[in-house]
Amino acid sequence: MNQNTQAVHHAVMSFLDAYAKGDVNGCMALIAQNSPILIFGTNLDEVCKSKDEVQAALQRDIATMSNVRWGEVRHIQITQDTSCANVLLELPLAYVAGGKEEQVVFRYVFCLVTESGQWKIATGMASVPTAEGCYSFS
């Protein structure tokens, strides 16, 4: 990994680490300030087009989940030039919600831009894959 790719990787992993710690401010520090925002969460109504909407979505997640733990990254692809980067990754997530331990796999795509020499997330999408052969989404 070259230095630029490492910086992109570090930004994404720092965002996920802050998320696991319930650190909304840490997450928001990695969201672009000067670029259009579009982030899709896993819920149908999670479409964030502003920093305020991203912050509200993060606060909702943190209010409903505790003991959030990411597993090892299973797959990752980073493509970047000097001012834009795309990151696709898959990793397991364990957490407690409603008193119950949950375990899922998350797949993310992030598009990052450079702002003042730092990589920041401008767009993203989270998905939770279904079981193999499952084509019913109702």
Foldseek 3Di string as FASTA:
>chain_A
DDPVQVQVVVLVVQLVVCLQVLNLVSNLVQADDPAFAWEAEADPPQTDGDSVSVSVVSNVVSVFKHNKDKDDKPDWDWDDDDFKIKIWTKTKIWIAGPNDIDIFIKIKIFMWGDDPNHTHTRYMYIHTDDDPPDDDDD
